């Protein structure tokens, strides 16, 4: 009997330790172009295409880590598109993520300083509190498909696989 109770307790603790990963919504990335090139030449179709690929790539790679359950943005995609700037919309990303049942809202920007210097920034907000719990950034050199992809890979590999601990304890 004692052995049975011990096995039961061990299995209960083991299943509690294997909790479901936190749920996250990944929004589209936004470009912050502070370069002279952007001011002079306008929108760059290659950069727009790269920007459009970042969020789907982030969703796929985060889901593959198994540390986040990625919730599709599709039911609220129109509301997200109407928010002209997710970084300064007063928490609209958190509101949208909350409607989708997420624990976290993940937004991102690419800041273009020049043709050679860019940074990819990712922001993670706790949906319950609306607080920014983590921000990640990587500087990249060169404005190419490869440099953008490698920059995102670096953040995912070195930063984002672990859910932000501050939000999980509240």
Protein backbone atom coordinates (compact mmCIF):
# COMPACT_ATOMS: atom_id res chain seq x y z
CA UNK A 1 0.00 0.00 0.00
CA UNK A 2 2.81 2.38 0.91
CA UNK A 3 4.47 1.68 -2.43
CA UNK A 4 1.23 2.50 -4.27
CA UNK A 5 0.89 5.84 -2.44
CA UNK A 6 4.50 6.70 -3.21
CA UNK A 7 4.03 5.94 -6.92
CA UNK A 8 0.84 7.99 -6.97
CA UNK A 9 2.54 10.97 -5.32
CA UNK A 10 5.50 10.81 -7.70
CA UNK A 11 3.22 10.72 -10.73
CA UNK A 12 1.17 13.65 -9.40
CA UNK A 13 4.28 15.76 -8.85
CA UNK A 14 5.66 14.78 -12.25
CA UNK A 15 2.47 15.80 -14.05
CA UNK A 16 2.35 19.09 -12.15
CA UNK A 17 5.94 19.81 -13.18
CA UNK A 18 5.04 19.27 -16.83
CA UNK A 19 2.60 22.16 -17.02
CA UNK A 20 1.31 23.45 -20.30
CA UNK A 21 3.49 26.15 -21.82
CA UNK A 22 2.26 29.73 -21.60
CA UNK A 23 0.12 30.93 -24.48
CA UNK A 24 1.42 33.79 -26.63
CA UNK A 25 0.20 35.89 -29.53
CA UNK A 26 2.89 37.14 -31.91
CA UNK A 27 1.94 40.32 -33.74
CA UNK A 28 3.44 41.60 -37.00
CA UNK A 29 6.67 43.56 -36.83
CA UNK A 30 6.85 47.28 -37.51
CA UNK A 31 9.63 49.22 -39.22
CA UNK A 32 11.09 52.31 -37.58
CA UNK A 33 13.13 53.90 -40.34
CA UNK A 34 15.41 56.62 -39.00
CA UNK A 35 17.82 56.36 -41.92
CA UNK A 36 18.44 59.05 -44.45
CA UNK A 37 17.96 56.46 -47.18
CA UNK A 38 14.38 55.80 -46.15
CA UNK A 39 13.61 59.49 -46.03
CA UNK A 40 15.04 60.07 -49.48
CA UNK A 41 13.90 56.92 -51.31
CA UNK A 42 10.70 56.02 -49.48
CA UNK A 43 9.42 52.50 -48.86
CA UNK A 44 11.78 49.68 -49.80
CA UNK A 45 9.83 46.68 -51.12
CA UNK A 46 12.57 44.24 -50.04
CA UNK A 47 12.45 45.53 -46.46
CA UNK A 48 8.65 45.33 -46.48
CA UNK A 49 8.86 41.69 -47.60
CA UNK A 50 11.43 40.92 -44.87
CA UNK A 51 9.28 42.63 -42.28
CA UNK A 52 6.25 40.58 -43.37
CA UNK A 53 8.25 37.34 -42.94
CA UNK A 54 9.54 38.04 -39.41
CA UNK A 55 6.34 37.39 -37.43
CA UNK A 56 5.45 34.10 -39.18
CA UNK A 57 9.07 32.96 -38.76
CA UNK A 58 9.01 33.91 -35.06
CA UNK A 59 5.69 32.09 -34.54
CA UNK A 60 6.99 28.93 -36.19
CA UNK A 61 10.32 28.88 -34.39
CA UNK A 62 8.88 29.70 -30.96
CA UNK A 63 6.27 26.97 -31.35
CA UNK A 64 9.05 24.53 -32.30
CA UNK A 65 10.82 25.22 -28.98
CA UNK A 66 7.78 23.85 -27.14
CA UNK A 67 8.12 26.57 -24.54
CA UNK A 68 5.23 28.67 -25.84
CA UNK A 69 1.89 27.73 -27.29
CA UNK A 70 1.42 30.16 -30.16
CA UNK A 71 -2.15 31.34 -30.59
CA UNK A 72 -3.19 32.37 -34.10
CA UNK A 73 -3.83 36.08 -34.49
CA UNK A 74 -6.31 35.43 -37.29
CA UNK A 75 -9.57 36.10 -35.36
CA UNK A 76 -8.25 39.54 -34.35
CA UNK A 77 -6.00 40.26 -37.35
CA UNK A 78 -8.20 43.13 -38.52
CA UNK A 79 -8.10 44.82 -35.10
CA UNK A 80 -4.30 44.40 -35.00
CA UNK A 81 -3.96 45.89 -38.48
CA UNK A 82 -6.04 48.93 -37.46
CA UNK A 83 -3.59 49.71 -34.65
CA UNK A 84 -1.19 51.91 -36.59
CA UNK A 85 1.62 51.48 -34.06
CA UNK A 86 1.46 48.63 -31.58
CA UNK A 87 4.29 50.14 -29.55
CA UNK A 88 2.32 53.26 -28.70
CA UNK A 89 -1.34 52.30 -28.93
CA UNK A 90 -1.92 52.30 -25.19
CA UNK A 91 -1.90 48.55 -24.70
CA UNK A 92 -4.08 47.55 -27.63
CA UNK A 93 -1.82 44.54 -28.23
CA UNK A 94 -2.49 43.32 -24.68
CA UNK A 95 -6.22 43.82 -25.15
CA UNK A 96 -6.23 41.86 -28.41
CA UNK A 97 -4.07 39.08 -26.92
CA UNK A 98 -6.43 38.91 -23.94
CA UNK A 99 -9.42 38.40 -26.23
CA UNK A 100 -7.57 35.44 -27.73
CA UNK A 101 -6.85 33.87 -24.34
CA UNK A 102 -3.10 34.51 -24.35
CA UNK A 103 -0.78 34.87 -21.38
CA UNK A 104 1.67 37.03 -23.35
CA UNK A 105 1.61 39.56 -26.15
CA UNK A 106 4.73 39.58 -28.31
CA UNK A 107 5.38 42.56 -30.58
CA UNK A 108 8.43 43.60 -32.51
CA UNK A 109 10.14 46.35 -34.41
CA UNK A 110 13.03 46.64 -36.78
CA UNK A 111 14.86 49.94 -36.48
CA UNK A 112 16.77 50.93 -39.57
CA UNK A 113 19.56 53.29 -38.61
CA UNK A 114 21.28 53.08 -42.01
CA UNK A 115 21.65 50.63 -44.89
CA UNK A 116 24.23 48.73 -42.84
CA UNK A 117 22.98 49.10 -39.26
CA UNK A 118 19.62 47.74 -38.15
CA UNK A 119 18.27 46.27 -34.92
CA UNK A 120 15.53 43.78 -34.33
CA UNK A 121 13.59 44.36 -31.11
CA UNK A 122 11.05 42.04 -29.48
CA UNK A 123 8.78 43.04 -26.59
CA UNK A 124 6.92 40.60 -24.33
CA UNK A 125 3.99 41.90 -22.28
CA UNK A 126 2.04 40.09 -19.58
CA UNK A 127 -1.60 40.08 -20.62
CA UNK A 128 -2.89 40.02 -17.02
CA UNK A 129 -0.98 43.11 -15.91
CA UNK A 130 -0.23 44.83 -19.22
CA UNK A 131 3.35 45.26 -18.05
CA UNK A 132 6.38 44.85 -20.23
CA UNK A 133 8.16 41.83 -18.76
CA UNK A 134 11.02 41.49 -21.21
CA UNK A 135 12.55 43.23 -24.19
CA UNK A 136 15.14 41.69 -26.46
CA UNK A 137 17.31 43.34 -29.07
CA UNK A 138 19.98 42.34 -31.53
CA UNK A 139 22.00 44.58 -33.81
CA UNK A 140 22.48 43.31 -37.33
CA UNK A 141 24.85 44.46 -40.02
CA UNK A 142 23.70 44.49 -43.62
CA UNK A 143 20.20 44.87 -44.91
CA UNK A 144 19.60 41.44 -46.46
CA UNK A 145 17.25 38.51 -46.07
CA UNK A 146 20.06 36.51 -44.48
CA UNK A 147 21.03 39.15 -41.90
CA UNK A 148 17.41 39.66 -40.79
CA UNK A 149 16.85 35.91 -40.48
CA UNK A 150 20.08 35.39 -38.56
CA UNK A 151 19.22 38.26 -36.22
CA UNK A 152 15.84 36.72 -35.41
CA UNK A 153 17.44 33.30 -34.96
CA UNK A 154 19.92 34.78 -32.48
CA UNK A 155 17.13 36.23 -30.31
CA UNK A 156 15.14 33.00 -30.38
CA UNK A 157 18.16 30.82 -29.64
CA UNK A 158 19.65 33.00 -26.90
CA UNK A 159 16.72 34.81 -25.32
CA UNK A 160 13.15 33.90 -26.12
CA UNK A 161 12.90 30.16 -25.53
CA UNK A 162 12.34 30.66 -21.80
CA UNK A 163 9.05 32.32 -20.81
CA UNK A 164 9.56 35.51 -18.82
CA UNK A 165 9.63 34.43 -15.16
CA UNK A 166 8.20 37.68 -13.77
CA UNK A 167 4.86 37.15 -15.43
CA UNK A 168 4.53 33.50 -14.47
CA UNK A 169 4.68 34.18 -10.75
CA UNK A 170 1.84 36.72 -10.65
